[in-house]
Amino acid sequence: RVWKCTKLVLFQHHDGVEEEDVSGSVPQSWAKFSKNNVEESQVAGRSATRQLRYDVNNLINNAASDMSVHWNKTNRAFTDRISESQDAHRNLKSNLILTKNEIAEMERHIERIKSNIAAKDPPLRVAQTRLKKRMRRPEVENCNDNAHAQLLAEVNDLNQCLKHLEDKLQEADRALRDLLKNKERLENNIRVKSNTLLIDKQKCMSMRRTFPYNVTVTRFF
């Protein structure tokens, strides 16, 4: 026979159910077993959770410590490099000043050579004109006398002097060109060093004044 209640709970006969063995535990052993389960789960669960949090905290602290060490090393490297760049920049500027002074001195030297060349031209023209006129003397009067020999010597000396001055002028012009190239090279190196200092000192180091990471240390007992 099957009976149904109004709440749709199925009721029926279970013959012999009263004879089934329920000796798996008694109230005392059941209570002890339940208590042990709760305690073991609490101890094991809490211990595992605590160990996990401890390991994670150590990992975070160690990572932050390593980051801080590398951060400081990088900052020191930046500081050393900036100091080296500043020294190089100062040396380049000093060399540029010296080079400009040498250029000015070489330009004055070239002007002195040109002045000397110009000063030797009138005497040469006079000596050559005299020599030319004396060589127009007729027949035996065109004598290779001492005056003629002195005019020849004077013309030769003036020509040699002019040749020497012109050689020196060419050397001075080459030296001036080299100095101007060196000046241009120094100015370019100064621009490069200035840009390097701008990047390293102002743009990079300005962002590295403080360590951009905060670590909260948690202790577990």
Protein backbone atom coordinates (compact mmCIF):
# COMPACT_ATOMS: atom_id res chain seq x y z
CA ARG A 1 0.00 0.00 0.00
CA VAL A 2 1.28 3.47 -0.85
CA TRP A 3 0.21 6.59 0.98
CA LYS A 4 0.86 10.13 -0.16
CA CYS A 5 0.76 13.18 2.05
CA THR A 6 -0.39 16.57 1.00
CA LYS A 7 3.24 17.79 0.65
CA LEU A 8 4.05 15.09 -1.89
CA VAL A 9 6.31 13.16 0.51
CA LEU A 10 6.28 9.50 -0.44
CA PHE A 11 5.50 7.13 2.41
CA GLN A 12 5.61 3.34 2.03
CA HIS A 13 6.30 0.16 3.99
CA HIS A 14 9.93 -1.00 4.52
CA ASP A 15 9.63 -4.49 5.92
CA GLY A 16 12.53 -5.60 8.18
CA VAL A 17 14.10 -2.19 8.45
CA GLU A 18 14.02 -2.41 12.17
CA GLU A 19 16.38 -5.36 12.06
CA GLU A 20 19.21 -3.58 10.12
CA ASP A 21 22.58 -3.12 11.85
CA VAL A 22 23.32 0.41 13.03
CA SER A 23 26.36 -0.45 15.12
CA GLY A 24 28.75 1.75 13.00
CA SER A 25 29.07 4.08 15.93
CA VAL A 26 27.55 5.11 19.18
CA PRO A 27 26.78 8.71 20.15
CA GLN A 28 30.07 9.04 22.06
CA SER A 29 32.22 7.72 19.22
CA TRP A 30 30.27 9.74 16.66
CA ALA A 31 30.78 12.92 18.68
CA LYS A 32 34.50 12.21 19.09
CA PHE A 33 34.91 11.45 15.38
CA SER A 34 33.11 14.64 14.41
CA LYS A 35 35.17 16.69 16.81
CA ASN A 36 38.40 15.19 15.50
CA ASN A 37 37.38 15.93 11.91
CA VAL A 38 36.67 19.55 12.76
CA GLU A 39 39.93 19.96 14.66
CA GLU A 40 42.02 18.27 11.98
CA SER A 41 40.44 20.31 9.23
CA GLN A 42 41.01 23.49 11.20
CA VAL A 43 44.63 22.69 11.99
CA ALA A 44 45.50 21.43 8.52
CA GLY A 45 43.57 24.16 6.70
CA ARG A 46 44.85 27.00 8.80
CA SER A 47 48.42 25.71 8.71
CA ALA A 48 48.36 25.35 4.93
CA THR A 49 46.80 28.77 4.49
CA ARG A 50 49.25 30.36 6.88
CA GLN A 51 52.21 28.71 5.13
CA LEU A 52 50.91 29.88 1.75
CA ARG A 53 50.55 33.45 2.97
CA TYR A 54 54.00 33.28 4.56
CA ASP A 55 55.56 32.00 1.32
CA VAL A 56 53.79 34.63 -0.76
CA ASN A 57 54.86 37.39 1.61
CA ASN A 58 58.48 36.19 1.51
CA LEU A 59 58.34 36.04 -2.26
CA ILE A 60 57.02 39.60 -2.48
CA ASN A 61 59.58 40.91 0.03
CA ASN A 62 62.49 39.14 -1.69
CA ALA A 63 61.38 40.38 -5.11
CA ALA A 64 61.05 43.93 -3.79
CA SER A 65 64.47 43.68 -2.12
CA ASP A 66 66.06 42.47 -5.37
CA MET A 67 64.33 45.26 -7.27
CA SER A 68 65.61 47.82 -4.78
CA VAL A 69 69.19 46.50 -5.06
CA HIS A 70 69.10 46.67 -8.85
CA TRP A 71 67.43 50.08 -8.67
CA ASN A 72 70.27 51.44 -6.52
CA LYS A 73 72.92 49.84 -8.73
CA THR A 74 71.33 51.37 -11.81
CA ASN A 75 71.15 54.77 -10.13
CA ARG A 76 74.83 54.56 -9.20
CA ALA A 77 75.66 53.60 -12.77
CA PHE A 78 73.63 56.56 -14.02
CA THR A 79 75.37 58.88 -11.55
CA ASP A 80 78.82 57.66 -12.58
CA ARG A 81 77.98 57.94 -16.26
CA ILE A 82 76.56 61.44 -15.81
CA SER A 83 79.74 62.48 -13.98
CA GLU A 84 81.86 61.07 -16.80
CA SER A 85 79.72 62.84 -19.40
CA GLN A 86 79.98 66.11 -17.50
CA ASP A 87 83.79 65.79 -17.33
CA ALA A 88 83.92 65.01 -21.05
CA HIS A 89 81.59 67.94 -21.76
CA ARG A 90 83.81 70.33 -19.78
CA ASN A 91 86.94 69.04 -21.51
CA LEU A 92 85.34 69.43 -24.92
CA LYS A 93 84.34 73.02 -24.12
CA SER A 94 87.86 73.78 -22.88
CA ASN A 95 89.35 72.29 -26.03
CA LEU A 96 86.89 74.30 -28.11
CA ILE A 97 88.04 77.53 -26.45
CA LEU A 98 91.69 76.60 -27.08
CA THR A 99 90.90 75.68 -30.68
CA LYS A 100 89.13 78.99 -31.26
CA ASN A 101 92.15 80.81 -29.84
CA GLU A 102 94.45 78.83 -32.12
CA ILE A 103 92.22 79.65 -35.10
CA ALA A 104 92.40 83.35 -34.29
CA GLU A 105 96.18 83.13 -33.87
CA MET A 106 96.55 81.19 -37.14
CA GLU A 107 94.42 83.77 -38.97
CA ARG A 108 96.70 86.52 -37.64
CA HIS A 109 99.73 84.48 -38.66
CA ILE A 110 98.35 84.09 -42.19
CA GLU A 111 97.75 87.81 -42.39
CA ARG A 112 101.35 88.45 -41.33
CA ILE A 113 102.62 86.09 -44.03
CA LYS A 114 100.45 87.78 -46.64
CA SER A 115 101.72 91.17 -45.47
CA ASN A 116 105.31 89.98 -45.78
CA ILE A 117 104.63 88.60 -49.25
CA ALA A 118 103.09 91.90 -50.27
CA ALA A 119 106.02 93.79 -48.75
CA LYS A 120 108.53 91.76 -50.76
CA ASP A 121 106.85 92.41 -54.09
CA PRO A 122 107.90 96.08 -54.65
CA PRO A 123 111.62 95.42 -53.96
CA LEU A 124 111.49 92.43 -56.32
CA ARG A 125 109.91 94.49 -59.06
CA VAL A 126 112.53 97.22 -58.58
CA ALA A 127 115.42 94.73 -58.65
CA GLN A 128 114.04 92.93 -61.71
CA THR A 129 113.43 96.27 -63.51
CA ARG A 130 117.00 97.44 -62.81
CA LEU A 131 118.37 94.11 -63.98
CA LYS A 132 116.30 94.26 -67.13
CA LYS A 133 117.41 97.80 -67.92
CA ARG A 134 121.12 96.98 -67.33
CA MET A 135 120.83 94.03 -69.67
CA ARG A 136 119.91 96.46 -72.45
CA ARG A 137 123.39 97.99 -72.41
CA PRO A 138 124.99 97.71 -75.84
CA GLU A 139 127.72 95.24 -76.67
CA VAL A 140 130.68 95.30 -74.28
CA GLU A 141 128.90 97.66 -71.93
CA ASN A 142 126.61 94.77 -71.08
CA CYS A 143 129.19 93.61 -68.62
CA ASN A 144 128.74 90.99 -65.94
CA ASP A 145 130.16 93.29 -63.36
CA ASN A 146 129.73 93.36 -59.57
CA ALA A 147 126.59 95.50 -59.81
CA HIS A 148 125.05 92.96 -62.17
CA ALA A 149 126.05 90.14 -59.82
CA GLN A 150 124.52 91.95 -56.84
CA LEU A 151 121.26 92.56 -58.73
CA LEU A 152 121.10 88.86 -59.62
CA ALA A 153 121.75 87.91 -56.00
CA GLU A 154 119.09 90.36 -54.82
CA VAL A 155 116.49 88.98 -57.24
CA ASN A 156 117.34 85.40 -56.28
CA ASP A 157 117.18 86.17 -52.57
CA LEU A 158 113.82 87.88 -52.96
CA ASN A 159 112.46 85.00 -55.05
CA GLN A 160 113.65 82.44 -52.51
CA CYS A 161 112.16 84.46 -49.68
CA LEU A 162 108.83 84.74 -51.50
CA LYS A 163 108.88 81.01 -52.29
CA HIS A 164 109.50 80.24 -48.63
CA LEU A 165 106.71 82.60 -47.53
CA GLU A 166 104.29 81.10 -50.06
CA ASP A 167 105.11 77.60 -48.81
CA LYS A 168 104.50 78.75 -45.26
CA LEU A 169 101.26 80.35 -46.35
CA GLN A 170 100.08 77.05 -47.82
CA GLU A 171 101.04 75.24 -44.62
CA ALA A 172 99.21 77.84 -42.56
CA ASP A 173 96.13 77.53 -44.77
CA ARG A 174 96.14 73.74 -44.32
CA ALA A 175 96.58 74.12 -40.57
CA LEU A 176 93.71 76.61 -40.46
CA ARG A 177 91.46 74.21 -42.37
CA ASP A 178 92.36 71.44 -39.92
CA LEU A 179 91.61 73.72 -36.97
CA LEU A 180 88.23 74.65 -38.46
CA LYS A 181 87.39 70.98 -38.97
CA ASN A 182 88.46 70.26 -35.41
CA LYS A 183 86.30 73.14 -34.18
CA GLU A 184 83.30 71.75 -36.07
CA ARG A 185 83.96 68.28 -34.68
CA LEU A 186 84.25 69.63 -31.12
CA GLU A 187 81.03 71.61 -31.47
CA ASN A 188 79.23 68.51 -32.74
CA ASN A 189 80.60 66.41 -29.86
CA ILE A 190 79.50 69.08 -27.40
CA ARG A 191 75.98 68.97 -28.83
CA VAL A 192 75.96 65.18 -28.52
CA LYS A 193 77.22 65.31 -24.92
CA SER A 194 74.67 68.01 -24.06
CA ASN A 195 71.90 65.81 -25.44
CA THR A 196 73.25 62.83 -23.50
CA LEU A 197 73.21 64.85 -20.27
CA LEU A 198 69.70 66.06 -21.03
CA ILE A 199 68.49 62.47 -21.43
CA ASP A 200 70.40 60.89 -18.54
CA LYS A 201 70.30 63.66 -15.96
CA GLN A 202 67.02 65.46 -16.58
CA LYS A 203 64.77 62.91 -18.27
CA CYS A 204 65.95 59.61 -16.79
CA MET A 205 67.17 60.52 -13.32
CA SER A 206 64.22 62.82 -12.71
CA MET A 207 62.03 59.71 -12.89
CA ARG A 208 64.31 57.71 -10.61
CA ARG A 209 64.37 59.91 -7.52
CA THR A 210 62.21 57.53 -5.47
CA PHE A 211 61.75 53.77 -5.67
CA PRO A 212 58.33 53.30 -7.36
CA TYR A 213 57.26 50.33 -5.25
CA ASN A 214 55.97 50.12 -1.69
CA VAL A 215 56.22 46.89 0.27
CA THR A 216 54.12 46.19 3.36
CA VAL A 217 55.88 43.60 5.46
CA THR A 218 53.53 41.20 7.26
CA ARG A 219 54.76 39.00 10.05
CA PHE A 220 53.15 35.67 10.86
CA PHE A 221 53.29 34.10 14.29
